Amino acid sequence: MMDAGPEPILRSMLSRKRFQALYAYIISLSVHLTLIISLSLIVILGNGNGFPGLSLLITDSGDSLGEELTEFDLGSDAPTKSDEPPPSGVPATASTPIEIPNLSADKVSTNLIAVANGDIASSTSLFEQSNLAAMSGGFDGVGEGEASKGAPRPAGKGPGASFFGTYAEGQRFVFVIDSSKSMLEGIRWPTLRRELIRALQSLSPDQEFLVVSFDSEPHPMFGKFPPEAKFLHPTKDNVDKVNRWVGSIIHGGNTLPASSIGMAMRLKPDAIFLLSDGEIRDSTINDLRSYNRQFDEAGDAKVLIPIHTVLLHSNMGFYALKTIADENDGVFTPVSVANGIR
């Protein structure tokens, strides 16, 4: 019998290798197609709120993309979300920078304060280094300002607090401040820090305050979350401690205030001040429509806690912050750096 030779064996081996390669390719293609289809469904249905617990978080404030889901956390006694659709006609928070329109609306504050010499400073400029302490009264946490005398009270208003020129009536206030990395641009953070300390110093001795900073997640002052978080009276010692705490904050990514606003609402203050420099792209607006409302028997809604908003040294987030103020009985205050106005 003659030997069949190596050729049939080689052909068999090549055929087997081709089959194995084709099989591996088919498996890989199937896996990738499955992943692509799944992600497409998540994006399409998620944008339509098809998944109640899922959010796609995008930021336009120069910070990195975060992975943390931020939603209101009002505790076990939180009201049930309304099944009614959100009010129509609310402007979308587009990712493209916008031009700030003429600020003639009733609820847009025009109390913008001049900076020395009208300079526009970067975070490393000589202007900031030489004049910041004089502008703010110092940031060493010791002996800043005079004793609390109470915020200047507009005619016909009761006791309250003033923050960037916006006055809110009440005895208890929560300041929710943006501590994302974009707040380090220019003099945003020093300006915020100065005005926050001014606001706390302006409170009367019987009033109370609490501060929460946020980036991808909430950071209440001194790291104490409710129920451990407590309101403080504006004593010199308390204000100095808060000043030092603000100075120690490590800035993170993203501009996601939803969980911080939820925390503030759990504390039931008389008013909330929300400050940011970037586009808000989490569930804050829709959550407020559900949780910051009380409906009477006739179905009419009443805002539970006024929320005043401040847009600092930026045009990103203009419509989101204005919408929050407009829909929650607040005042929207845009603060810009141009022509001696900060």
C-alpha atoms as a PDB file:
ATOM      1  CA  MET A   1       0.000   0.000   0.000  1.00  0.00           C
ATOM      2  CA  MET A   2       1.320   3.416  -0.891  1.00  0.00           C
ATOM      3  CA  ASP A   3       1.705   6.112   1.816  1.00  0.00           C
ATOM      4  CA  ALA A   4      -0.890   8.885   1.460  1.00  0.00           C
ATOM      5  CA  GLY A   5       1.818  11.485   2.017  1.00  0.00           C
ATOM      6  CA  PRO A   6       1.742  14.696   4.086  1.00  0.00           C
ATOM      7  CA  GLU A   7      -0.534  16.737   1.800  1.00  0.00           C
ATOM      8  CA  PRO A   8      -3.886  15.341   3.016  1.00  0.00           C
ATOM      9  CA  ILE A   9      -2.748  15.832   6.604  1.00  0.00           C
ATOM     10  CA  LEU A  10      -1.730  19.441   5.951  1.00  0.00           C
ATOM     11  CA  ARG A  11      -5.013  20.145   4.180  1.00  0.00           C
ATOM     12  CA  SER A  12      -6.890  18.686   7.155  1.00  0.00           C
ATOM     13  CA  MET A  13      -4.919  20.828   9.626  1.00  0.00           C
ATOM     14  CA  LEU A  14      -5.462  23.994   7.582  1.00  0.00           C
ATOM     15  CA  SER A  15      -9.152  23.252   7.300  1.00  0.00           C
ATOM     16  CA  ARG A  16      -9.388  22.755  11.052  1.00  0.00           C
ATOM     17  CA  LYS A  17      -7.555  26.056  11.728  1.00  0.00           C
ATOM     18  CA  ARG A  18      -9.822  27.938   9.342  1.00  0.00           C
ATOM     19  CA  PHE A  19     -12.859  26.510  11.085  1.00  0.00           C
ATOM     20  CA  GLN A  20     -11.493  27.478  14.512  1.00  0.00           C
ATOM     21  CA  ALA A  21     -10.708  31.020  13.337  1.00  0.00           C
ATOM     22  CA  LEU A  22     -14.174  31.384  11.780  1.00  0.00           C
ATOM     23  CA  TYR A  23     -15.792  30.059  14.966  1.00  0.00           C
ATOM     24  CA  ALA A  24     -13.832  32.532  17.143  1.00  0.00           C
ATOM     25  CA  TYR A  25     -14.742  35.402  14.797  1.00  0.00           C
ATOM     26  CA  ILE A  26     -18.445  34.520  14.954  1.00  0.00           C
ATOM     27  CA  ILE A  27     -18.358  34.358  18.779  1.00  0.00           C
ATOM     28  CA  SER A  28     -16.542  37.718  19.012  1.00  0.00           C
ATOM     29  CA  LEU A  29     -18.934  39.349  16.543  1.00  0.00           C
ATOM     30  CA  SER A  30     -21.957  38.078  18.492  1.00  0.00           C
ATOM     31  CA  VAL A  31     -20.632  39.403  21.793  1.00  0.00           C
ATOM     32  CA  HIS A  32     -19.862  42.844  20.346  1.00  0.00           C
ATOM     33  CA  LEU A  33     -23.240  43.085  18.616  1.00  0.00           C
ATOM     34  CA  THR A  34     -24.983  42.199  21.883  1.00  0.00           C
ATOM     35  CA  LEU A  35     -23.059  44.911  23.758  1.00  0.00           C
ATOM     36  CA  ILE A  36     -23.783  47.527  21.075  1.00  0.00           C
ATOM     37  CA  ILE A  37     -27.511  46.715  21.045  1.00  0.00           C
ATOM     38  CA  SER A  38     -27.679  46.793  24.870  1.00  0.00           C
ATOM     39  CA  LEU A  39     -25.933  50.176  25.086  1.00  0.00           C
ATOM     40  CA  SER A  40     -28.187  51.576  22.353  1.00  0.00           C
ATOM     41  CA  LEU A  41     -31.294  50.489  24.257  1.00  0.00           C
ATOM     42  CA  ILE A  42     -29.945  52.045  27.480  1.00  0.00           C
ATOM     43  CA  VAL A  43     -29.270  55.371  25.747  1.00  0.00           C
ATOM     44  CA  ILE A  44     -32.603  55.468  23.896  1.00  0.00           C
ATOM     45  CA  LEU A  45     -34.811  54.332  26.779  1.00  0.00           C
ATOM     46  CA  GLY A  46     -32.745  56.073  29.463  1.00  0.00           C
ATOM     47  CA  ASN A  47     -33.229  59.465  27.781  1.00  0.00           C
ATOM     48  CA  GLY A  48     -36.950  58.922  27.948  1.00  0.00           C
ATOM     49  CA  ASN A  49     -36.826  58.021  31.652  1.00  0.00           C
ATOM     50  CA  GLY A  50     -37.579  54.436  30.777  1.00  0.00           C
ATOM     51  CA  PHE A  51     -35.286  53.305  33.595  1.00  0.00           C
ATOM     52  CA  PRO A  52     -36.213  55.160  36.805  1.00  0.00           C
ATOM     53  CA  GLY A  53     -32.939  54.413  38.585  1.00  0.00           C
ATOM     54  CA  LEU A  54     -30.602  55.153  35.704  1.00  0.00           C
ATOM     55  CA  SER A  55     -29.115  58.468  34.616  1.00  0.00           C
ATOM     56  CA  LEU A  56     -26.487  59.386  32.049  1.00  0.00           C
ATOM     57  CA  LEU A  57     -24.367  62.093  33.633  1.00  0.00           C
ATOM     58  CA  ILE A  58     -22.720  64.723  31.388  1.00  0.00           C
ATOM     59  CA  THR A  59     -20.900  67.866  32.458  1.00  0.00           C
ATOM     60  CA  ASP A  60     -19.954  70.989  30.529  1.00  0.00           C
ATOM     61  CA  SER A  61     -18.022  72.739  33.288  1.00  0.00           C
ATOM     62  CA  GLY A  62     -14.604  71.414  32.341  1.00  0.00           C
ATOM     63  CA  ASP A  63     -14.675  68.521  34.797  1.00  0.00           C
ATOM     64  CA  SER A  64     -14.164  64.821  34.151  1.00  0.00           C
ATOM     65  CA  LEU A  65     -17.069  62.494  33.444  1.00  0.00           C
ATOM     66  CA  GLY A  66     -18.254  60.816  36.645  1.00  0.00           C
ATOM     67  CA  GLU A  67     -19.790  57.427  37.204  1.00  0.00           C
ATOM     68  CA  GLU A  68     -21.810  58.180  40.324  1.00  0.00           C
ATOM     69  CA  LEU A  69     -25.582  58.434  40.190  1.00  0.00           C
ATOM     70  CA  THR A  70     -26.875  61.447  42.081  1.00  0.00           C
ATOM     71  CA  GLU A  71     -30.520  61.654  43.050  1.00  0.00           C
ATOM     72  CA  PHE A  72     -32.492  63.136  45.876  1.00  0.00           C
ATOM     73  CA  ASP A  73     -32.206  61.273  49.159  1.00  0.00           C
ATOM     74  CA  LEU A  74     -34.965  62.551  51.397  1.00  0.00           C
ATOM     75  CA  GLY A  75     -35.132  59.530  53.690  1.00  0.00           C
ATOM     76  CA  SER A  76     -37.839  56.945  54.180  1.00  0.00           C
ATOM     77  CA  ASP A  77     -40.519  59.557  54.685  1.00  0.00           C
ATOM     78  CA  ALA A  78     -39.955  61.144  51.263  1.00  0.00           C
ATOM     79  CA  PRO A  79     -43.176  61.904  49.358  1.00  0.00           C
ATOM     80  CA  THR A  80     -44.078  59.723  46.430  1.00  0.00           C
ATOM     81  CA  LYS A  81     -43.172  61.155  43.046  1.00  0.00           C
ATOM     82  CA  SER A  82     -46.066  62.545  41.106  1.00  0.00           C
ATOM     83  CA  ASP A  83     -47.184  60.663  37.998  1.00  0.00           C
ATOM     84  CA  GLU A  84     -47.948  63.937  36.276  1.00  0.00           C
ATOM     85  CA  PRO A  85     -45.517  64.879  33.494  1.00  0.00           C
ATOM     86  CA  PRO A  86     -43.117  67.787  34.130  1.00  0.00           C
ATOM     87  CA  PRO A  87     -44.338  71.221  33.079  1.00  0.00           C
ATOM     88  CA  SER A  88     -43.839  71.852  29.387  1.00  0.00           C
ATOM     89  CA  GLY A  89     -41.829  74.663  27.889  1.00  0.00           C
ATOM     90  CA  VAL A  90     -38.810  74.343  30.191  1.00  0.00           C
ATOM     91  CA  PRO A  91     -35.655  75.145  28.216  1.00  0.00           C
ATOM     92  CA  ALA A  92     -33.218  72.291  27.721  1.00  0.00           C
ATOM     93  CA  THR A  93     -29.723  72.461  29.186  1.00  0.00           C
ATOM     94  CA  ALA A  94     -27.786  72.378  25.911  1.00  0.00           C
ATOM     95  CA  SER A  95     -24.104  71.561  26.002  1.00  0.00           C
ATOM     96  CA  THR A  96     -23.157  74.436  23.694  1.00  0.00           C
ATOM     97  CA  PRO A  97     -22.098  77.678  25.431  1.00  0.00           C
ATOM     98  CA  ILE A  98     -24.843  80.280  25.211  1.00  0.00           C
ATOM     99  CA  GLU A  99     -25.016  84.026  25.191  1.00  0.00           C
ATOM    100  CA  ILE A 100     -26.602  85.440  28.313  1.00  0.00           C
ATOM    101  CA  PRO A 101     -29.742  87.320  27.258  1.00  0.00           C
ATOM    102  CA  ASN A 102     -30.846  90.710  28.458  1.00  0.00           C
ATOM    103  CA  LEU A 103     -31.506  90.298  32.188  1.00  0.00           C
ATOM    104  CA  SER A 104     -34.823  92.054  32.520  1.00  0.00           C
ATOM    105  CA  ALA A 105     -36.912  89.287  34.086  1.00  0.00           C
ATOM    106  CA  ASP A 106     -38.522  89.999  37.444  1.00  0.00           C
ATOM    107  CA  LYS A 107     -36.648  87.228  39.211  1.00  0.00           C
ATOM    108  CA  VAL A 108     -33.166  88.029  37.934  1.00  0.00           C
ATOM    109  CA  SER A 109     -31.143  89.946  40.481  1.00  0.00           C
ATOM    110  CA  THR A 110     -29.054  92.851  39.221  1.00  0.00           C
ATOM    111  CA  ASN A 111     -27.136  93.355  42.466  1.00  0.00           C
ATOM    112  CA  LEU A 112     -23.684  92.801  40.956  1.00  0.00           C
ATOM    113  CA  ILE A 113     -20.744  94.116  42.954  1.00  0.00           C
ATOM    114  CA  ALA A 114     -17.638  95.781  41.485  1.00  0.00           C
ATOM    115  CA  VAL A 115     -14.153  94.326  41.882  1.00  0.00           C
ATOM    116  CA  ALA A 116     -11.198  96.611  42.562  1.00  0.00           C
ATOM    117  CA  ASN A 117      -9.959  98.395  39.409  1.00  0.00           C
ATOM    118  CA  GLY A 118     -12.229  96.273  37.215  1.00  0.00           C
ATOM    119  CA  ASP A 119      -9.448  93.715  36.741  1.00  0.00           C
ATOM    120  CA  ILE A 120     -10.122  90.243  35.404  1.00  0.00           C
ATOM    121  CA  ALA A 121      -7.688  87.960  37.178  1.00  0.00           C
ATOM    122  CA  SER A 122      -6.485  84.411  36.687  1.00  0.00           C
ATOM    123  CA  SER A 123      -5.859  82.139  39.668  1.00  0.00           C
ATOM    124  CA  THR A 124      -2.114  82.843  39.513  1.00  0.00           C
ATOM    125  CA  SER A 125      -2.216  86.561  38.732  1.00  0.00           C
ATOM    126  CA  LEU A 126      -0.518  89.224  40.807  1.00  0.00           C
ATOM    127  CA  PHE A 127      -3.904  90.888  41.194  1.00  0.00           C
ATOM    128  CA  GLU A 128      -5.313  87.922  43.051  1.00  0.00           C
ATOM    129  CA  GLN A 129      -2.205  87.352  45.137  1.00  0.00           C
ATOM    130  CA  SER A 130      -1.870  90.966  46.247  1.00  0.00           C
ATOM    131  CA  ASN A 131      -5.482  92.130  46.514  1.00  0.00           C
ATOM    132  CA  LEU A 132      -7.524  89.061  47.419  1.00  0.00           C
ATOM    133  CA  ALA A 133      -6.863  89.256  51.145  1.00  0.00           C
ATOM    134  CA  ALA A 134      -7.740  92.949  51.218  1.00  0.00           C
ATOM    135  CA  MET A 135     -10.919  92.368  49.214  1.00  0.00           C
ATOM    136  CA  SER A 136     -12.083  89.546  51.463  1.00  0.00           C
ATOM    137  CA  GLY A 137     -10.829  90.595  54.891  1.00  0.00           C
ATOM    138  CA  GLY A 138      -8.344  87.721  54.917  1.00  0.00           C
ATOM    139  CA  PHE A 139      -8.679  83.938  54.661  1.00  0.00           C
ATOM    140  CA  ASP A 140      -6.734  82.830  57.712  1.00  0.00           C
ATOM    141  CA  GLY A 141      -9.919  82.008  59.607  1.00  0.00           C
ATOM    142  CA  VAL A 142      -9.098  84.457  62.390  1.00  0.00           C
ATOM    143  CA  GLY A 143     -10.903  87.688  63.188  1.00  0.00           C
ATOM    144  CA  GLU A 144     -12.638  88.194  59.847  1.00  0.00           C
ATOM    145  CA  GLY A 145     -15.084  91.045  59.677  1.00  0.00           C
ATOM    146  CA  GLU A 146     -17.152  92.581  62.415  1.00  0.00           C
ATOM    147  CA  ALA A 147     -19.611  90.937  64.748  1.00  0.00           C
ATOM    148  CA  SER A 148     -22.855  89.725  63.216  1.00  0.00           C
ATOM    149  CA  LYS A 149     -25.416  92.514  62.930  1.00  0.00           C
ATOM    150  CA  GLY A 150     -27.959  90.798  60.705  1.00  0.00           C
ATOM    151  CA  ALA A 151     -28.352  91.098  56.944  1.00  0.00           C
ATOM    152  CA  PRO A 152     -29.685  94.452  55.683  1.00  0.00           C
ATOM    153  CA  ARG A 153     -33.431  93.978  55.632  1.00  0.00           C
ATOM    154  CA  PRO A 154     -35.405  95.233  52.615  1.00  0.00           C
ATOM    155  CA  ALA A 155     -38.513  97.250  53.399  1.00  0.00           C
ATOM    156  CA  GLY A 156     -41.424  95.023  54.354  1.00  0.00           C
ATOM    157  CA  LYS A 157     -39.246  91.937  54.817  1.00  0.00           C
ATOM    158  CA  GLY A 158     -38.620  89.905  57.955  1.00  0.00           C
ATOM    159  CA  PRO A 159     -35.255  88.663  59.280  1.00  0.00           C
ATOM    160  CA  GLY A 160     -33.239  86.852  56.644  1.00  0.00           C
ATOM    161  CA  ALA A 161     -29.937  86.224  54.870  1.00  0.00           C
ATOM    162  CA  SER A 162     -28.205  87.914  51.943  1.00  0.00           C
ATOM    163  CA  PHE A 163     -25.980  86.028  49.468  1.00  0.00           C
ATOM    164  CA  PHE A 164     -24.536  87.756  46.384  1.00  0.00           C
ATOM    165  CA  GLY A 165     -27.156  90.466  46.799  1.00  0.00           C
ATOM    166  CA  THR A 166     -30.145  88.104  46.997  1.00  0.00           C
ATOM    167  CA  TYR A 167     -32.183  88.382  50.193  1.00  0.00           C
ATOM    168  CA  ALA A 168     -34.134  85.445  51.661  1.00  0.00           C
ATOM    169  CA  GLU A 169     -36.403  85.651  54.672  1.00  0.00           C
ATOM    170  CA  GLY A 170     -36.143  83.146  57.489  1.00  0.00           C
ATOM    171  CA  GLN A 171     -34.128  81.864  60.422  1.00  0.00           C
ATOM    172  CA  ARG A 172     -32.441  78.768  58.945  1.00  0.00           C
ATOM    173  CA  PHE A 173     -30.485  78.633  55.686  1.00  0.00           C
ATOM    174  CA  VAL A 174     -28.535  76.014  53.731  1.00  0.00           C
ATOM    175  CA  PHE A 175     -25.823  77.141  51.309  1.00  0.00           C
ATOM    176  CA  VAL A 176     -25.190  74.546  48.560  1.00  0.00           C
ATOM    177  CA  ILE A 177     -21.945  75.473  46.792  1.00  0.00           C
ATOM    178  CA  ASP A 178     -20.231  74.028  43.726  1.00  0.00           C
ATOM    179  CA  SER A 179     -16.783  72.599  44.533  1.00  0.00           C
ATOM    180  CA  SER A 180     -16.029  71.021  41.160  1.00  0.00           C
ATOM    181  CA  LYS A 181     -12.627  71.579  39.580  1.00  0.00           C
ATOM    182  CA  SER A 182     -13.921  74.283  37.247  1.00  0.00           C
ATOM    183  CA  MET A 183     -14.498  76.471  40.309  1.00  0.00           C
ATOM    184  CA  LEU A 184     -10.713  76.858  40.495  1.00  0.00           C
ATOM    185  CA  GLU A 185     -10.685  78.889  37.269  1.00  0.00           C
ATOM    186  CA  GLY A 186      -9.960  82.596  37.640  1.00  0.00           C
ATOM    187  CA  ILE A 187     -11.102  83.964  40.990  1.00  0.00           C
ATOM    188  CA  ARG A 188     -14.318  81.932  41.221  1.00  0.00           C
ATOM    189  CA  TRP A 189     -13.408  80.043  44.374  1.00  0.00           C
ATOM    190  CA  PRO A 190     -11.937  83.017  46.265  1.00  0.00           C
ATOM    191  CA  THR A 191     -14.989  85.087  45.272  1.00  0.00           C
ATOM    192  CA  LEU A 192     -17.373  82.398  46.490  1.00  0.00           C
ATOM    193  CA  ARG A 193     -15.438  81.976  49.702  1.00  0.00           C
ATOM    194  CA  ARG A 194     -15.454  85.698  50.425  1.00  0.00           C
ATOM    195  CA  GLU A 195     -19.173  86.115  49.760  1.00  0.00           C
ATOM    196  CA  LEU A 196     -20.081  83.006  51.757  1.00  0.00           C
ATOM    197  CA  ILE A 197     -18.230  84.299  54.806  1.00  0.00           C
ATOM    198  CA  ARG A 198     -19.877  87.709  54.343  1.00  0.00           C
ATOM    199  CA  ALA A 199     -23.287  86.022  54.216  1.00  0.00           C
ATOM    200  CA  LEU A 200     -22.624  84.052  57.404  1.00  0.00           C
ATOM    201  CA  GLN A 201     -21.269  87.100  59.209  1.00  0.00           C
ATOM    202  CA  SER A 202     -24.373  89.067  58.241  1.00  0.00           C
ATOM    203  CA  LEU A 203     -26.694  86.637  60.034  1.00  0.00           C
ATOM    204  CA  SER A 204     -28.054  87.667  63.412  1.00  0.00           C
ATOM    205  CA  PRO A 205     -27.052  85.628  66.492  1.00  0.00           C
ATOM    206  CA  ASP A 206     -30.384  83.794  66.678  1.00  0.00           C
ATOM    207  CA  GLN A 207     -30.269  82.622  63.036  1.00  0.00           C
ATOM    208  CA  GLU A 208     -28.710  79.332  61.875  1.00  0.00           C
ATOM    209  CA  PHE A 209     -26.879  78.014  58.819  1.00  0.00           C
ATOM    210  CA  LEU A 210     -25.377  74.917  57.231  1.00  0.00           C
ATOM    211  CA  VAL A 211     -23.092  74.575  54.192  1.00  0.00           C
ATOM    212  CA  VAL A 212     -22.914  71.685  51.699  1.00  0.00           C
ATOM    213  CA  SER A 213     -20.404  71.584  48.849  1.00  0.00           C
ATOM    214  CA  PHE A 214     -20.837  69.293  45.867  1.00  0.00           C
ATOM    215  CA  ASP A 215     -19.074  67.891  42.825  1.00  0.00           C
ATOM    216  CA  SER A 216     -20.030  64.328  41.876  1.00  0.00           C
ATOM    217  CA  GLU A 217     -21.408  63.859  45.375  1.00  0.00           C
ATOM    218  CA  PRO A 218     -22.392  65.923  48.427  1.00  0.00           C
ATOM    219  CA  HIS A 219     -19.850  67.102  50.989  1.00  0.00           C
ATOM    220  CA  PRO A 220     -21.592  68.602  54.046  1.00  0.00           C
ATOM    221  CA  MET A 221     -19.483  70.811  56.284  1.00  0.00           C
ATOM    222  CA  PHE A 222     -17.115  68.908  58.567  1.00  0.00           C
ATOM    223  CA  GLY A 223     -18.095  65.659  56.825  1.00  0.00           C
ATOM    224  CA  LYS A 224     -21.256  65.229  58.905  1.00  0.00           C
ATOM    225  CA  PHE A 225     -24.289  63.871  57.068  1.00  0.00           C
ATOM    226  CA  PRO A 226     -27.880  64.002  58.353  1.00  0.00           C
ATOM    227  CA  PRO A 227     -28.935  63.261  61.008  1.00  0.00           C
ATOM    228  CA  GLU A 228     -25.501  64.132  62.455  1.00  0.00           C
ATOM    229  CA  ALA A 229     -25.374  67.345  60.412  1.00  0.00           C
ATOM    230  CA  LYS A 230     -26.494  70.244  62.588  1.00  0.00           C
ATOM    231  CA  PHE A 231     -27.293  73.890  61.970  1.00  0.00           C
ATOM    232  CA  LEU A 232     -24.858  76.347  63.545  1.00  0.00           C
ATOM    233  CA  HIS A 233     -25.328  79.830  64.934  1.00  0.00           C
ATOM    234  CA  PRO A 234     -23.109  82.466  63.246  1.00  0.00           C
ATOM    235  CA  THR A 235     -20.702  82.939  66.138  1.00  0.00           C
ATOM    236  CA  LYS A 236     -17.199  84.112  65.304  1.00  0.00           C
ATOM    237  CA  ASP A 237     -15.805  80.691  66.223  1.00  0.00           C
ATOM    238  CA  ASN A 238     -18.316  78.834  64.007  1.00  0.00           C
ATOM    239  CA  VAL A 239     -17.750  81.128  61.028  1.00  0.00           C
ATOM    240  CA  ASP A 240     -13.970  80.737  61.405  1.00  0.00           C
ATOM    241  CA  LYS A 241     -14.339  76.943  61.488  1.00  0.00           C
ATOM    242  CA  VAL A 242     -16.470  76.967  58.336  1.00  0.00           C
ATOM    243  CA  ASN A 243     -13.966  79.255  56.625  1.00  0.00           C
ATOM    244  CA  ARG A 244     -11.145  76.831  57.372  1.00  0.00           C
ATOM    245  CA  TRP A 245     -13.275  73.897  56.211  1.00  0.00           C
ATOM    246  CA  VAL A 246     -14.031  75.636  52.900  1.00  0.00           C
ATOM    247  CA  GLY A 247     -10.321  76.293  52.498  1.00  0.00           C
ATOM    248  CA  SER A 248      -9.580  72.571  52.954  1.00  0.00           C
ATOM    249  CA  ILE A 249     -12.054  71.314  50.316  1.00  0.00           C
ATOM    250  CA  ILE A 250     -10.550  69.069  47.622  1.00  0.00           C
ATOM    251  CA  HIS A 251     -12.210  69.865  44.307  1.00  0.00           C
ATOM    252  CA  GLY A 252     -13.666  66.929  42.392  1.00  0.00           C
ATOM    253  CA  GLY A 253     -15.214  66.299  39.001  1.00  0.00           C
ATOM    254  CA  ASN A 254     -18.686  67.088  37.672  1.00  0.00           C
ATOM    255  CA  THR A 255     -21.451  69.507  38.620  1.00  0.00           C
ATOM    256  CA  LEU A 256     -24.159  67.277  40.106  1.00  0.00           C
ATOM    257  CA  PRO A 257     -26.108  68.969  42.913  1.00  0.00           C
ATOM    258  CA  ALA A 258     -29.201  66.718  43.086  1.00  0.00           C
ATOM    259  CA  SER A 259     -28.185  64.701  46.144  1.00  0.00           C
ATOM    260  CA  SER A 260     -26.892  67.842  47.902  1.00  0.00           C
ATOM    261  CA  ILE A 261     -30.205  69.656  47.309  1.00  0.00           C
ATOM    262  CA  GLY A 262     -32.016  66.578  48.593  1.00  0.00           C
ATOM    263  CA  MET A 263     -29.870  66.640  51.718  1.00  0.00           C
ATOM    264  CA  ALA A 264     -30.586  70.337  52.203  1.00  0.00           C
ATOM    265  CA  MET A 265     -34.339  69.726  51.902  1.00  0.00           C
ATOM    266  CA  ARG A 266     -34.215  66.999  54.554  1.00  0.00           C
ATOM    267  CA  LEU A 267     -32.971  69.648  56.981  1.00  0.00           C
ATOM    268  CA  LYS A 268     -36.103  71.750  56.277  1.00  0.00           C
ATOM    269  CA  PRO A 269     -34.499  75.217  56.129  1.00  0.00           C
ATOM    270  CA  ASP A 270     -36.425  78.412  55.435  1.00  0.00           C
ATOM    271  CA  ALA A 271     -34.467  78.881  52.185  1.00  0.00           C
ATOM    272  CA  ILE A 272     -31.700  77.280  50.134  1.00  0.00           C
ATOM    273  CA  PHE A 273     -28.978  79.115  48.205  1.00  0.00           C
ATOM    274  CA  LEU A 274     -27.517  77.122  45.277  1.00  0.00           C
ATOM    275  CA  LEU A 275     -24.326  78.384  43.586  1.00  0.00           C
ATOM    276  CA  SER A 276     -22.594  76.873  40.556  1.00  0.00           C
ATOM    277  CA  ASP A 277     -20.422  77.816  37.577  1.00  0.00           C
ATOM    278  CA  GLY A 278     -21.395  74.983  35.253  1.00  0.00           C
ATOM    279  CA  GLU A 279     -24.121  73.150  33.403  1.00  0.00           C
ATOM    280  CA  ILE A 280     -26.315  71.051  35.690  1.00  0.00           C
ATOM    281  CA  ARG A 281     -27.085  67.787  33.904  1.00  0.00           C
ATOM    282  CA  ASP A 282     -28.437  65.534  36.656  1.00  0.00           C
ATOM    283  CA  SER A 283     -32.015  65.116  37.911  1.00  0.00           C
ATOM    284  CA  THR A 284     -32.155  68.286  40.052  1.00  0.00           C
ATOM    285  CA  ILE A 285     -34.857  70.131  38.072  1.00  0.00           C
ATOM    286  CA  ASN A 286     -37.213  67.158  37.781  1.00  0.00           C
ATOM    287  CA  ASP A 287     -36.607  66.036  41.380  1.00  0.00           C
ATOM    288  CA  LEU A 288     -37.563  69.477  42.657  1.00  0.00           C
ATOM    289  CA  ARG A 289     -40.782  69.340  40.638  1.00  0.00           C
ATOM    290  CA  SER A 290     -41.686  66.198  42.575  1.00  0.00           C
ATOM    291  CA  TYR A 291     -40.250  66.749  46.051  1.00  0.00           C
ATOM    292  CA  ASN A 292     -40.428  70.518  46.545  1.00  0.00           C
ATOM    293  CA  ARG A 293     -44.188  70.693  46.011  1.00  0.00           C
ATOM    294  CA  GLN A 294     -47.230  70.352  48.214  1.00  0.00           C
ATOM    295  CA  PHE A 295     -50.605  69.896  46.547  1.00  0.00           C
ATOM    296  CA  ASP A 296     -53.873  71.028  48.097  1.00  0.00           C
ATOM    297  CA  GLU A 297     -57.262  69.409  47.621  1.00  0.00           C
ATOM    298  CA  ALA A 298     -57.830  71.421  44.464  1.00  0.00           C
ATOM    299  CA  GLY A 299     -54.594  70.082  42.983  1.00  0.00           C
ATOM    300  CA  ASP A 300     -52.787  73.415  43.169  1.00  0.00           C
ATOM    301  CA  ALA A 301     -49.063  73.163  43.935  1.00  0.00           C
ATOM    302  CA  LYS A 302     -47.231  75.175  46.576  1.00  0.00           C
ATOM    303  CA  VAL A 303     -43.430  75.372  46.808  1.00  0.00           C
ATOM    304  CA  LEU A 304     -42.178  74.023  50.131  1.00  0.00           C
ATOM    305  CA  ILE A 305     -38.711  75.652  50.283  1.00  0.00           C
ATOM    306  CA  PRO A 306     -37.598  78.684  48.230  1.00  0.00           C
ATOM    307  CA  ILE A 307     -34.392  78.023  46.281  1.00  0.00           C
ATOM    308  CA  HIS A 308     -32.276  80.973  45.161  1.00  0.00           C
ATOM    309  CA  THR A 309     -29.571  80.342  42.555  1.00  0.00           C
ATOM    310  CA  VAL A 310     -26.283  82.050  41.673  1.00  0.00           C
ATOM    311  CA  LEU A 311     -24.347  81.529  38.414  1.00  0.00           C
ATOM    312  CA  LEU A 312     -20.744  82.521  39.100  1.00  0.00           C
ATOM    313  CA  HIS A 313     -18.342  83.835  36.442  1.00  0.00           C
ATOM    314  CA  SER A 314     -19.727  81.659  33.655  1.00  0.00           C
ATOM    315  CA  ASN A 315     -22.509  81.444  31.090  1.00  0.00           C
ATOM    316  CA  MET A 316     -22.764  77.654  31.296  1.00  0.00           C
ATOM    317  CA  GLY A 317     -25.850  76.527  33.178  1.00  0.00           C
ATOM    318  CA  PHE A 318     -27.721  79.824  32.748  1.00  0.00           C
ATOM    319  CA  TYR A 319     -31.101  78.319  31.872  1.00  0.00           C
ATOM    320  CA  ALA A 320     -30.843  75.403  34.317  1.00  0.00           C
ATOM    321  CA  LEU A 321     -30.149  77.658  37.305  1.00  0.00           C
ATOM    322  CA  LYS A 322     -32.747  80.194  36.184  1.00  0.00           C
ATOM    323  CA  THR A 323     -35.325  77.420  35.785  1.00  0.00           C
ATOM    324  CA  ILE A 324     -34.604  76.130  39.289  1.00  0.00           C
ATOM    325  CA  ALA A 325     -35.086  79.600  40.767  1.00  0.00           C
ATOM    326  CA  ASP A 326     -38.188  80.393  38.697  1.00  0.00           C
ATOM    327  CA  GLU A 327     -39.909  77.123  39.537  1.00  0.00           C
ATOM    328  CA  ASN A 328     -39.041  77.207  43.243  1.00  0.00           C
ATOM    329  CA  ASP A 329     -39.993  80.756  44.293  1.00  0.00           C
ATOM    330  CA  GLY A 330     -36.377  81.893  44.160  1.00  0.00           C
ATOM    331  CA  VAL A 331     -34.244  84.643  42.640  1.00  0.00           C
ATOM    332  CA  PHE A 332     -31.654  83.894  39.955  1.00  0.00           C
ATOM    333  CA  THR A 333     -28.443  85.959  40.190  1.00  0.00           C
ATOM    334  CA  PRO A 334     -25.877  85.756  37.356  1.00  0.00           C
ATOM    335  CA  VAL A 335     -22.499  87.114  38.455  1.00  0.00           C
ATOM    336  CA  SER A 336     -20.063  87.917  35.630  1.00  0.00           C
ATOM    337  CA  VAL A 337     -16.493  89.198  35.333  1.00  0.00           C
ATOM    338  CA  ALA A 338     -16.491  92.090  32.853  1.00  0.00           C
ATOM    339  CA  ASN A 339     -16.139  95.866  32.913  1.00  0.00           C
ATOM    340  CA  GLY A 340     -15.516  95.998  36.628  1.00  0.00           C
ATOM    341  CA  ILE A 341     -18.434  93.703  37.458  1.00  0.00           C
ATOM    342  CA  ARG A 342     -17.895  90.360  39.076  1.00  0.00           C
END
